[in-house]
mmCIF file of all heavy atoms, coordinates in Angstrom:
data_MODEL
# 
_entry.id   MODEL 
# 
loop_
_atom_site.group_PDB 
_atom_site.id 
_atom_site.type_symbol 
_atom_site.label_atom_id 
_atom_site.label_alt_id 
_atom_site.label_comp_id 
_atom_site.label_asym_id 
_atom_site.label_entity_id 
_atom_site.label_seq_id 
_atom_site.pdbx_PDB_ins_code 
_atom_site.Cartn_x 
_atom_site.Cartn_y 
_atom_site.Cartn_z 
_atom_site.occupancy 
_atom_site.B_iso_or_equiv 
_atom_site.pdbx_formal_charge 
_atom_site.auth_seq_id 
_atom_site.auth_comp_id 
_atom_site.auth_asym_id 
_atom_site.auth_atom_id 
_atom_site.pdbx_PDB_model_num 
ATOM 1   N N   . ARG A 1 1  ? 23.252 7.624  20.017 1.00 0.00 ? 1  ARG A N   1 
ATOM 2   C CA  . ARG A 1 1  ? 22.809 6.559  19.108 1.00 0.00 ? 1  ARG A CA  1 
ATOM 3   C C   . ARG A 1 1  ? 23.988 6.028  18.293 1.00 0.00 ? 1  ARG A C   1 
ATOM 4   O O   . ARG A 1 1  ? 24.155 4.817  18.141 1.00 0.00 ? 1  ARG A O   1 
ATOM 5   C CB  . ARG A 1 1  ? 21.709 7.072  18.183 1.00 0.00 ? 1  ARG A CB  1 
ATOM 6   C CG  . ARG A 1 1  ? 21.162 5.961  17.278 1.00 0.00 ? 1  ARG A CG  1 
ATOM 7   C CD  . ARG A 1 1  ? 20.224 6.490  16.256 1.00 0.00 ? 1  ARG A CD  1 
ATOM 8   N NE  . ARG A 1 1  ? 20.984 7.380  15.383 1.00 0.00 ? 1  ARG A NE  1 
ATOM 9   C CZ  . ARG A 1 1  ? 20.453 8.309  14.621 1.00 0.00 ? 1  ARG A CZ  1 
ATOM 10  N NH1 . ARG A 1 1  ? 19.156 8.509  14.617 1.00 0.00 ? 1  ARG A NH1 1 
ATOM 11  N NH2 . ARG A 1 1  ? 21.214 9.061  13.858 1.00 0.00 ? 1  ARG A NH2 1 
ATOM 12  N N   . ASP A 1 2  ? 24.833 6.942  17.815 1.00 0.00 ? 2  ASP A N   1 
ATOM 13  C CA  . ASP A 1 2  ? 26.012 6.514  17.045 1.00 0.00 ? 2  ASP A CA  1 
ATOM 14  C C   . ASP A 1 2  ? 26.952 5.671  17.897 1.00 0.00 ? 2  ASP A C   1 
ATOM 15  O O   . ASP A 1 2  ? 27.479 4.657  17.436 1.00 0.00 ? 2  ASP A O   1 
ATOM 16  C CB  . ASP A 1 2  ? 26.765 7.723  16.485 1.00 0.00 ? 2  ASP A CB  1 
ATOM 17  C CG  . ASP A 1 2  ? 25.998 8.430  15.369 1.00 0.00 ? 2  ASP A CG  1 
ATOM 18  O OD1 . ASP A 1 2  ? 25.002 7.858  14.859 1.00 0.00 ? 2  ASP A OD1 1 
ATOM 19  O OD2 . ASP A 1 2  ? 26.385 9.560  15.026 1.00 0.00 ? 2  ASP A OD2 1 
ATOM 20  N N   . ARG A 1 3  ? 27.165 6.071  19.149 1.00 0.00 ? 3  ARG A N   1 
ATOM 21  C CA  . ARG A 1 3  ? 28.037 5.289  20.038 1.00 0.00 ? 3  ARG A CA  1 
ATOM 22  C C   . ARG A 1 3  ? 27.479 3.881  20.255 1.00 0.00 ? 3  ARG A C   1 
ATOM 23  O O   . ARG A 1 3  ? 28.221 2.911  20.272 1.00 0.00 ? 3  ARG A O   1 
ATOM 24  C CB  . ARG A 1 3  ? 28.202 5.988  21.386 1.00 0.00 ? 3  ARG A CB  1 
ATOM 25  C CG  . ARG A 1 3  ? 29.046 7.230  21.348 1.00 0.00 ? 3  ARG A CG  1 
ATOM 26  C CD  . ARG A 1 3  ? 29.217 7.825  22.763 1.00 0.00 ? 3  ARG A CD  1 
ATOM 27  N NE  . ARG A 1 3  ? 29.641 9.185  22.668 1.00 0.00 ? 3  ARG A NE  1 
ATOM 28  C CZ  . ARG A 1 3  ? 28.861 10.251 22.915 1.00 0.00 ? 3  ARG A CZ  1 
ATOM 29  N NH1 . ARG A 1 3  ? 27.624 10.083 23.322 1.00 0.00 ? 3  ARG A NH1 1 
ATOM 30  N NH2 . ARG A 1 3  ? 29.326 11.461 22.778 1.00 0.00 ? 3  ARG A NH2 1 
ATOM 31  N N   . LEU A 1 4  ? 26.166 3.791  20.432 1.00 0.00 ? 4  LEU A N   1 
ATOM 32  C CA  . LEU A 1 4  ? 25.532 2.485  20.620 1.00 0.00 ? 4  LEU A CA  1 
ATOM 33  C C   . LEU A 1 4  ? 25.650 1.636  19.353 1.00 0.00 ? 4  LEU A C   1 
ATOM 34  O O   . LEU A 1 4  ? 25.999 0.457  19.416 1.00 0.00 ? 4  LEU A O   1 
ATOM 35  C CB  . LEU A 1 4  ? 24.061 2.646  21.007 1.00 0.00 ? 4  LEU A CB  1 
ATOM 36  C CG  . LEU A 1 4  ? 23.778 3.220  22.390 1.00 0.00 ? 4  LEU A CG  1 
ATOM 37  C CD1 . LEU A 1 4  ? 22.292 3.507  22.545 1.00 0.00 ? 4  LEU A CD1 1 
ATOM 38  C CD2 . LEU A 1 4  ? 24.258 2.291  23.479 1.00 0.00 ? 4  LEU A CD2 1 
ATOM 39  N N   . GLU A 1 5  ? 25.364 2.235  18.202 1.00 0.00 ? 5  GLU A N   1 
ATOM 40  C CA  . GLU A 1 5  ? 25.423 1.501  16.935 1.00 0.00 ? 5  GLU A CA  1 
ATOM 41  C C   . GLU A 1 5  ? 26.832 1.000  16.638 1.00 0.00 ? 5  GLU A C   1 
ATOM 42  O O   . GLU A 1 5  ? 27.004 -0.092 16.096 1.00 0.00 ? 5  GLU A O   1 
ATOM 43  C CB  . GLU A 1 5  ? 24.932 2.379  15.785 1.00 0.00 ? 5  GLU A CB  1 
ATOM 44  C CG  . GLU A 1 5  ? 23.435 2.566  15.768 1.00 0.00 ? 5  GLU A CG  1 
ATOM 45  C CD  . GLU A 1 5  ? 22.968 3.511  14.665 1.00 0.00 ? 5  GLU A CD  1 
ATOM 46  O OE1 . GLU A 1 5  ? 23.818 4.082  13.937 1.00 0.00 ? 5  GLU A OE1 1 
ATOM 47  O OE2 . GLU A 1 5  ? 21.741 3.685  14.545 1.00 0.00 ? 5  GLU A OE2 1 
ATOM 48  N N   . LYS A 1 6  ? 27.840 1.790  16.960 1.00 0.00 ? 6  LYS A N   1 
ATOM 49  C CA  . LYS A 1 6  ? 29.236 1.410  16.703 1.00 0.00 ? 6  LYS A CA  1 
ATOM 50  C C   . LYS A 1 6  ? 29.773 0.444  17.750 1.00 0.00 ? 6  LYS A C   1 
ATOM 51  O O   . LYS A 1 6  ? 30.894 -0.024 17.640 1.00 0.00 ? 6  LYS A O   1 
ATOM 52  C CB  . LYS A 1 6  ? 30.121 2.658  16.663 1.00 0.00 ? 6  LYS A CB  1 
ATOM 53  C CG  . LYS A 1 6  ? 29.863 3.550  15.478 1.00 0.00 ? 6  LYS A CG  1 
ATOM 54  C CD  . LYS A 1 6  ? 30.718 4.801  15.571 1.00 0.00 ? 6  LYS A CD  1 
ATOM 55  C CE  . LYS A 1 6  ? 30.417 5.753  14.434 1.00 0.00 ? 6  LYS A CE  1 
ATOM 56  N NZ  . LYS A 1 6  ? 31.136 7.034  14.596 1.00 0.00 ? 6  LYS A NZ  1 
ATOM 57  N N   . GLY A 1 7  ? 29.001 0.186  18.800 1.00 0.00 ? 7  GLY A N   1 
ATOM 58  C CA  . GLY A 1 7  ? 29.455 -0.699 19.852 1.00 0.00 ? 7  GLY A CA  1 
ATOM 59  C C   . GLY A 1 7  ? 30.421 -0.053 20.825 1.00 0.00 ? 7  GLY A C   1 
ATOM 60  O O   . GLY A 1 7  ? 31.045 -0.734 21.630 1.00 0.00 ? 7  GLY A O   1 
ATOM 61  N N   . GLU A 1 8  ? 30.553 1.265  20.772 1.00 0.00 ? 8  GLU A N   1 
ATOM 62  C CA  . GLU A 1 8  ? 31.444 1.989  21.680 1.00 0.00 ? 8  GLU A CA  1 
ATOM 63  C C   . GLU A 1 8  ? 30.840 2.093  23.077 1.00 0.00 ? 8  GLU A C   1 
ATOM 64  O O   . GLU A 1 8  ? 31.548 2.353  24.044 1.00 0.00 ? 8  GLU A O   1 
ATOM 65  C CB  . GLU A 1 8  ? 31.707 3.407  21.154 1.00 0.00 ? 8  GLU A CB  1 
ATOM 66  C CG  . GLU A 1 8  ? 32.446 3.440  19.839 1.00 0.00 ? 8  GLU A CG  1 
ATOM 67  C CD  . GLU A 1 8  ? 32.493 4.843  19.230 1.00 0.00 ? 8  GLU A CD  1 
ATOM 68  O OE1 . GLU A 1 8  ? 31.991 5.809  19.864 1.00 0.00 ? 8  GLU A OE1 1 
ATOM 69  O OE2 . GLU A 1 8  ? 33.026 4.958  18.126 1.00 0.00 ? 8  GLU A OE2 1 
ATOM 70  N N   . MET A 1 9  ? 29.522 1.915  23.147 1.00 0.00 ? 9  MET A N   1 
ATOM 71  C CA  . MET A 1 9  ? 28.830 2.074  24.418 1.00 0.00 ? 9  MET A CA  1 
ATOM 72  C C   . MET A 1 9  ? 27.696 1.059  24.492 1.00 0.00 ? 9  MET A C   1 
ATOM 73  O O   . MET A 1 9  ? 27.080 0.735  23.488 1.00 0.00 ? 9  MET A O   1 
ATOM 74  C CB  . MET A 1 9  ? 28.281 3.496  24.531 1.00 0.00 ? 9  MET A CB  1 
ATOM 75  C CG  . MET A 1 9  ? 27.689 3.832  25.857 1.00 0.00 ? 9  MET A CG  1 
ATOM 76  S SD  . MET A 1 9  ? 27.255 5.592  25.988 1.00 0.00 ? 9  MET A SD  1 
ATOM 77  C CE  . MET A 1 9  ? 28.870 6.323  26.170 1.00 0.00 ? 9  MET A CE  1 
ATOM 78  N N   . LYS A 1 10 ? 27.461 0.576  25.712 1.00 0.00 ? 10 LYS A N   1 
ATOM 79  C CA  . LYS A 1 10 ? 26.311 -0.278 26.001 1.00 0.00 ? 10 LYS A CA  1 
ATOM 80  C C   . LYS A 1 10 ? 25.469 0.455  27.026 1.00 0.00 ? 10 LYS A C   1 
ATOM 81  O O   . LYS A 1 10 ? 26.000 1.164  27.887 1.00 0.00 ? 10 LYS A O   1 
ATOM 82  C CB  . LYS A 1 10 ? 26.764 -1.615 26.578 1.00 0.00 ? 10 LYS A CB  1 
ATOM 83  C CG  . LYS A 1 10 ? 27.598 -2.442 25.639 1.00 0.00 ? 10 LYS A CG  1 
ATOM 84  C CD  . LYS A 1 10 ? 28.066 -3.700 26.338 1.00 0.00 ? 10 LYS A CD  1 
ATOM 85  C CE  . LYS A 1 10 ? 29.006 -4.488 25.449 1.00 0.00 ? 10 LYS A CE  1 
ATOM 86  N NZ  . LYS A 1 10 ? 29.495 -5.688 26.150 1.00 0.00 ? 10 LYS A NZ  1 
ATOM 87  N N   . LEU A 1 11 ? 24.164 0.254  26.946 1.00 0.00 ? 11 LEU A N   1 
ATOM 88  C CA  . LEU A 1 11 ? 23.245 0.981  27.813 1.00 0.00 ? 11 LEU A CA  1 
ATOM 89  C C   . LEU A 1 11 ? 22.249 0.010  28.426 1.00 0.00 ? 11 LEU A C   1 
ATOM 90  O O   . LEU A 1 11 ? 21.678 -0.825 27.725 1.00 0.00 ? 11 LEU A O   1 
ATOM 91  C CB  . LEU A 1 11 ? 22.517 2.029  26.966 1.00 0.00 ? 11 LEU A CB  1 
ATOM 92  C CG  . LEU A 1 11 ? 21.692 3.097  27.640 1.00 0.00 ? 11 LEU A CG  1 
ATOM 93  C CD1 . LEU A 1 11 ? 22.554 4.011  28.503 1.00 0.00 ? 11 LEU A CD1 1 
ATOM 94  C CD2 . LEU A 1 11 ? 20.973 3.934  26.577 1.00 0.00 ? 11 LEU A CD2 1 
ATOM 95  N N   . TRP A 1 12 ? 22.059 0.115  29.745 1.00 0.00 ? 12 TRP A N   1 
ATOM 96  C CA  . TRP A 1 12 ? 21.085 -0.703 30.459 1.00 0.00 ? 12 TRP A CA  1 
ATOM 97  C C   . TRP A 1 12 ? 20.074 0.206  31.134 1.00 0.00 ? 12 TRP A C   1 
ATOM 98  O O   . TRP A 1 12 ? 20.397 1.321  31.527 1.00 0.00 ? 12 TRP A O   1 
ATOM 99  C CB  . TRP A 1 12 ? 21.748 -1.548 31.536 1.00 0.00 ? 12 TRP A CB  1 
ATOM 100 C CG  . TRP A 1 12 ? 22.525 -2.704 31.035 1.00 0.00 ? 12 TRP A CG  1 
ATOM 101 C CD1 . TRP A 1 12 ? 22.088 -3.985 30.842 1.00 0.00 ? 12 TRP A CD1 1 
ATOM 102 C CD2 . TRP A 1 12 ? 23.912 -2.713 30.669 1.00 0.00 ? 12 TRP A CD2 1 
ATOM 103 N NE1 . TRP A 1 12 ? 23.118 -4.778 30.374 1.00 0.00 ? 12 TRP A NE1 1 
ATOM 104 C CE2 . TRP A 1 12 ? 24.243 -4.014 30.253 1.00 0.00 ? 12 TRP A CE2 1 
ATOM 105 C CE3 . TRP A 1 12 ? 24.901 -1.735 30.631 1.00 0.00 ? 12 TRP A CE3 1 
ATOM 106 C CZ2 . TRP A 1 12 ? 25.514 -4.376 29.829 1.00 0.00 ? 12 TRP A CZ2 1 
ATOM 107 C CZ3 . TRP A 1 12 ? 26.173 -2.082 30.200 1.00 0.00 ? 12 TRP A CZ3 1 
ATOM 108 C CH2 . TRP A 1 12 ? 26.471 -3.389 29.806 1.00 0.00 ? 12 TRP A CH2 1 
ATOM 109 N N   . GLY A 1 13 ? 18.874 -0.332 31.308 1.00 0.00 ? 13 GLY A N   1 
ATOM 110 C CA  . GLY A 1 13 ? 17.843 0.393  32.032 1.00 0.00 ? 13 GLY A CA  1 
ATOM 111 C C   . GLY A 1 13 ? 17.254 -0.496 33.104 1.00 0.00 ? 13 GLY A C   1 
ATOM 112 O O   . GLY A 1 13 ? 17.181 -1.712 32.951 1.00 0.00 ? 13 GLY A O   1 
ATOM 113 N N   . CYS A 1 14 ? 16.837 0.109  34.186 1.00 0.00 ? 14 CYS A N   1 
ATOM 114 C CA  . CYS A 1 14 ? 16.148 -0.595 35.257 1.00 0.00 ? 14 CYS A CA  1 
ATOM 115 C C   . CYS A 1 14 ? 14.709 -0.096 35.266 1.00 0.00 ? 14 CYS A C   1 
ATOM 116 O O   . CYS A 1 14 ? 14.462 1.110  35.330 1.00 0.00 ? 14 CYS A O   1 
ATOM 117 C CB  . CYS A 1 14 ? 16.818 -0.316 36.602 1.00 0.00 ? 14 CYS A CB  1 
ATOM 118 S SG  . CYS A 1 14 ? 16.019 -1.169 37.978 1.00 0.00 ? 14 CYS A SG  1 
ATOM 119 N N   . TYR A 1 15 ? 13.792 -1.046 35.171 1.00 0.00 ? 15 TYR A N   1 
ATOM 120 C CA  . TYR A 1 15 ? 12.368 -0.723 35.109 1.00 0.00 ? 15 TYR A CA  1 
ATOM 121 C C   . TYR A 1 15 ? 11.640 -1.246 36.340 1.00 0.00 ? 15 TYR A C   1 
ATOM 122 O O   . TYR A 1 15 ? 11.925 -2.349 36.808 1.00 0.00 ? 15 TYR A O   1 
ATOM 123 C CB  . TYR A 1 15 ? 11.721 -1.372 33.878 1.00 0.00 ? 15 TYR A CB  1 
ATOM 124 C CG  . TYR A 1 15 ? 12.130 -0.742 32.582 1.00 0.00 ? 15 TYR A CG  1 
ATOM 125 C CD1 . TYR A 1 15 ? 13.273 -1.156 31.912 1.00 0.00 ? 15 TYR A CD1 1 
ATOM 126 C CD2 . TYR A 1 15 ? 11.359 0.272  32.023 1.00 0.00 ? 15 TYR A CD2 1 
ATOM 127 C CE1 . TYR A 1 15 ? 13.643 -0.575 30.711 1.00 0.00 ? 15 TYR A CE1 1 
ATOM 128 C CE2 . TYR A 1 15 ? 11.720 0.858  30.821 1.00 0.00 ? 15 TYR A CE2 1 
ATOM 129 C CZ  . TYR A 1 15 ? 12.864 0.432  30.173 1.00 0.00 ? 15 TYR A CZ  1 
ATOM 130 O OH  . TYR A 1 15 ? 13.235 1.007  28.986 1.00 0.00 ? 15 TYR A OH  1 
ATOM 131 N N   . GLN A 1 16 ? 10.709 -0.440 36.808 1.00 0.00 ? 16 GLN A N   1 
ATOM 132 C CA  . GLN A 1 16 ? 9.728  -0.930 37.772 1.00 0.00 ? 16 GLN A CA  1 
ATOM 133 C C   . GLN A 1 16 ? 8.423  -0.951 36.985 1.00 0.00 ? 16 GLN A C   1 
ATOM 134 O O   . GLN A 1 16 ? 7.930  0.098  36.569 1.00 0.00 ? 16 GLN A O   1 
ATOM 135 C CB  . GLN A 1 16 ? 9.610  -0.029 38.989 1.00 0.00 ? 16 GLN A CB  1 
ATOM 136 C CG  . GLN A 1 16 ? 8.591  -0.563 39.968 1.00 0.00 ? 16 GLN A CG  1 
ATOM 137 C CD  . GLN A 1 16 ? 8.565  0.239  41.252 1.00 0.00 ? 16 GLN A CD  1 
ATOM 138 O OE1 . GLN A 1 16 ? 8.886  1.412  41.285 1.00 0.00 ? 16 GLN A OE1 1 
ATOM 139 N NE2 . GLN A 1 16 ? 8.171  -0.410 42.326 1.00 0.00 ? 16 GLN A NE2 1 
ATOM 140 N N   . ASN A 1 17 ? 7.914  -2.168 36.784 1.00 0.00 ? 17 ASN A N   1 
ATOM 141 C CA  . ASN A 1 17 ? 6.822  -2.384 35.838 1.00 0.00 ? 17 ASN A CA  1 
ATOM 142 C C   . ASN A 1 17 ? 7.309  -1.854 34.490 1.00 0.00 ? 17 ASN A C   1 
ATOM 143 O O   . ASN A 1 17 ? 8.321  -2.292 33.995 1.00 0.00 ? 17 ASN A O   1 
ATOM 144 C CB  . ASN A 1 17 ? 5.519  -1.773 36.336 1.00 0.00 ? 17 ASN A CB  1 
ATOM 145 C CG  . ASN A 1 17 ? 5.107  -2.371 37.669 1.00 0.00 ? 17 ASN A CG  1 
ATOM 146 O OD1 . ASN A 1 17 ? 5.196  -3.576 37.865 1.00 0.00 ? 17 ASN A OD1 1 
ATOM 147 N ND2 . ASN A 1 17 ? 4.680  -1.525 38.592 1.00 0.00 ? 17 ASN A ND2 1 
ATOM 148 N N   . SER A 1 18 ? 6.674  -0.876 33.890 1.00 0.00 ? 18 SER A N   1 
ATOM 149 C CA  . SER A 1 18 ? 7.153  -0.369 32.606 1.00 0.00 ? 18 SER A CA  1 
ATOM 150 C C   . SER A 1 18 ? 7.754  1.033  32.744 1.00 0.00 ? 18 SER A C   1 
ATOM 151 O O   . SER A 1 18 ? 7.989  1.715  31.755 1.00 0.00 ? 18 SER A O   1 
ATOM 152 C CB  . SER A 1 18 ? 6.012  -0.348 31.585 1.00 0.00 ? 18 SER A CB  1 
ATOM 153 O OG  . SER A 1 18 ? 4.970  0.484  32.058 1.00 0.00 ? 18 SER A OG  1 
ATOM 154 N N   . TYR A 1 19 ? 8.039  1.448  33.983 1.00 0.00 ? 19 TYR A N   1 
ATOM 155 C CA  . TYR A 1 19 ? 8.558  2.787  34.258 1.00 0.00 ? 19 TYR A CA  1 
ATOM 156 C C   . TYR A 1 19 ? 10.079 2.721  34.428 1.00 0.00 ? 19 TYR A C   1 
ATOM 157 O O   . TYR A 1 19 ? 10.584 2.006  35.295 1.00 0.00 ? 19 TYR A O   1 
ATOM 158 C CB  . TYR A 1 19 ? 7.899  3.334  35.524 1.00 0.00 ? 19 TYR A CB  1 
ATOM 159 C CG  . TYR A 1 19 ? 8.269  4.749  35.877 1.00 0.00 ? 19 TYR A CG  1 
ATOM 160 C CD1 . TYR A 1 19 ? 8.005  5.803  35.011 1.00 0.00 ? 19 TYR A CD1 1 
ATOM 161 C CD2 . TYR A 1 19 ? 8.872  5.031  37.095 1.00 0.00 ? 19 TYR A CD2 1 
ATOM 162 C CE1 . TYR A 1 19 ? 8.341  7.103  35.345 1.00 0.00 ? 19 TYR A CE1 1 
ATOM 163 C CE2 . TYR A 1 19 ? 9.201  6.330  37.445 1.00 0.00 ? 19 TYR A CE2 1 
ATOM 164 C CZ  . TYR A 1 19 ? 8.928  7.363  36.556 1.00 0.00 ? 19 TYR A CZ  1 
ATOM 165 O OH  . TYR A 1 19 ? 9.253  8.659  36.893 1.00 0.00 ? 19 TYR A OH  1 
ATOM 166 N N   . LEU A 1 20 ? 10.792 3.477  33.596 1.00 0.00 ? 20 LEU A N   1 
ATOM 167 C CA  . LEU A 1 20 ? 12.250 3.512  33.655 1.00 0.00 ? 20 LEU A CA  1 
ATOM 168 C C   . LEU A 1 20 ? 12.697 4.293  34.881 1.00 0.00 ? 20 LEU A C   1 
ATOM 169 O O   . LEU A 1 20 ? 12.359 5.471  35.026 1.00 0.00 ? 20 LEU A O   1 
ATOM 170 C CB  . LEU A 1 20 ? 12.811 4.153  32.379 1.00 0.00 ? 20 LEU A CB  1 
ATOM 171 C CG  . LEU A 1 20 ? 14.323 4.177  32.214 1.00 0.00 ? 20 LEU A CG  1 
ATOM 172 C CD1 . LEU A 1 20 ? 14.892 2.753  32.140 1.00 0.00 ? 20 LEU A CD1 1 
ATOM 173 C CD2 . LEU A 1 20 ? 14.700 4.954  30.952 1.00 0.00 ? 20 LEU A CD2 1 
ATOM 174 N N   . VAL A 1 21 ? 13.448 3.641  35.773 1.00 0.00 ? 21 VAL A N   1 
ATOM 175 C CA  . VAL A 1 21 ? 13.850 4.298  37.023 1.00 0.00 ? 21 VAL A CA  1 
ATOM 176 C C   . VAL A 1 21 ? 15.359 4.505  37.130 1.00 0.00 ? 21 VAL A C   1 
ATOM 177 O O   . VAL A 1 21 ? 15.813 5.290  37.956 1.00 0.00 ? 21 VAL A O   1 
ATOM 178 C CB  . VAL A 1 21 ? 13.338 3.528  38.263 1.00 0.00 ? 21 VAL A CB  1 
ATOM 179 C CG1 . VAL A 1 21 ? 11.818 3.473  38.249 1.00 0.00 ? 21 VAL A CG1 1 
ATOM 180 C CG2 . VAL A 1 21 ? 13.922 2.140  38.357 1.00 0.00 ? 21 VAL A CG2 1 
ATOM 181 N N   . GLY A 1 22 ? 16.138 3.805  36.307 1.00 0.00 ? 22 GLY A N   1 
ATOM 182 C CA  . GLY A 1 22 ? 17.584 3.939  36.363 1.00 0.00 ? 22 GLY A CA  1 
ATOM 183 C C   . GLY A 1 22 ? 18.226 3.612  35.032 1.00 0.00 ? 22 GLY A C   1 
ATOM 184 O O   . GLY A 1 22 ? 17.681 2.823  34.256 1.00 0.00 ? 22 GLY A O   1 
ATOM 185 N N   . VAL A 1 23 ? 19.387 4.223  34.774 1.00 0.00 ? 23 VAL A N   1 
ATOM 186 C CA  . VAL A 1 23 ? 20.118 4.023  33.523 1.00 0.00 ? 23 VAL A CA  1 
ATOM 187 C C   . VAL A 1 23 ? 21.606 3.944  33.834 1.00 0.00 ? 23 VAL A C   1 
ATOM 188 O O   . VAL A 1 23 ? 22.112 4.672  34.689 1.00 0.00 ? 23 VAL A O   1 
ATOM 189 C CB  . VAL A 1 23 ? 19.860 5.204  32.551 1.00 0.00 ? 23 VAL A CB  1 
ATOM 190 C CG1 . VAL A 1 23 ? 20.778 5.145  31.345 1.00 0.00 ? 23 VAL A CG1 1 
ATOM 191 C CG2 . VAL A 1 23 ? 18.412 5.252  32.118 1.00 0.00 ? 23 VAL A CG2 1 
ATOM 192 N N   . MET A 1 24 ? 22.287 3.045  33.107 1.00 0.00 ? 24 MET A N   1 
ATOM 193 C CA  . MET A 1 24 ? 23.746 2.957  33.207 1.00 0.00 ? 24 MET A CA  1 
ATOM 194 C C   . MET A 1 24 ? 24.319 2.729  31.817 1.00 0.00 ? 24 MET A C   1 
ATOM 195 O O   . MET A 1 24 ? 23.762 1.963  31.036 1.00 0.00 ? 24 MET A O   1 
ATOM 196 C CB  . MET A 1 24 ? 24.179 1.806  34.105 1.00 0.00 ? 24 MET A CB  1 
ATOM 197 C CG  . MET A 1 24 ? 25.700 1.700  34.179 1.00 0.00 ? 24 MET A CG  1 
ATOM 198 S SD  . MET A 1 24 ? 26.274 0.166  34.913 1.00 0.00 ? 24 MET A SD  1 
ATOM 199 C CE  . MET A 1 24 ? 25.594 -1.043 33.817 1.00 0.00 ? 24 MET A CE  1 
ATOM 200 N N   . ALA A 1 25 ? 25.434 3.395  31.529 1.00 0.00 ? 25 ALA A N   1 
ATOM 201 C CA  . ALA A 1 25 ? 26.147 3.179  30.268 1.00 0.00 ? 25 ALA A CA  1 
ATOM 202 C C   . ALA A 1 25 ? 27.564 2.728  30.575 1.00 0.00 ? 25 ALA A C   1 
ATOM 203 O O   . ALA A 1 25 ? 28.215 3.227  31.494 1.00 0.00 ? 25 ALA A O   1 
ATOM 204 C CB  . ALA A 1 25 ? 26.172 4.458  29.439 1.00 0.00 ? 25 ALA A CB  1 
ATOM 205 N N   . LEU A 1 26 ? 28.026 1.783  29.776 1.00 0.00 ? 26 LEU A N   1 
ATOM 206 C CA  . LEU A 1 26 ? 29.393 1.279  29.869 1.00 0.00 ? 26 LEU A CA  1 
ATOM 207 C C   . LEU A 1 26 ? 30.076 1.617  28.552 1.00 0.00 ? 26 LEU A C   1 
ATOM 208 O O   . LEU A 1 26 ? 29.585 1.267  27.476 1.00 0.00 ? 26 LEU A O   1 
ATOM 209 C CB  . LEU A 1 26 ? 29.372 -0.234 30.094 1.00 0.00 ? 26 LEU A CB  1 
ATOM 210 C CG  . LEU A 1 26 ? 30.697 -0.906 30.442 1.00 0.00 ? 26 LEU A CG  1 
ATOM 211 C CD1 . LEU A 1 26 ? 31.230 -0.401 31.784 1.00 0.00 ? 26 LEU A CD1 1 
ATOM 212 C CD2 . LEU A 1 26 ? 30.504 -2.417 30.488 1.00 0.00 ? 26 LEU A CD2 1 
# 
């Protein structure tokens, strides 16, 4: 959460309908 808030990391999710099936962080 701290990394996301500071902008050190970005996070994406891939959903099928409302079910999270994949995650990637940059």
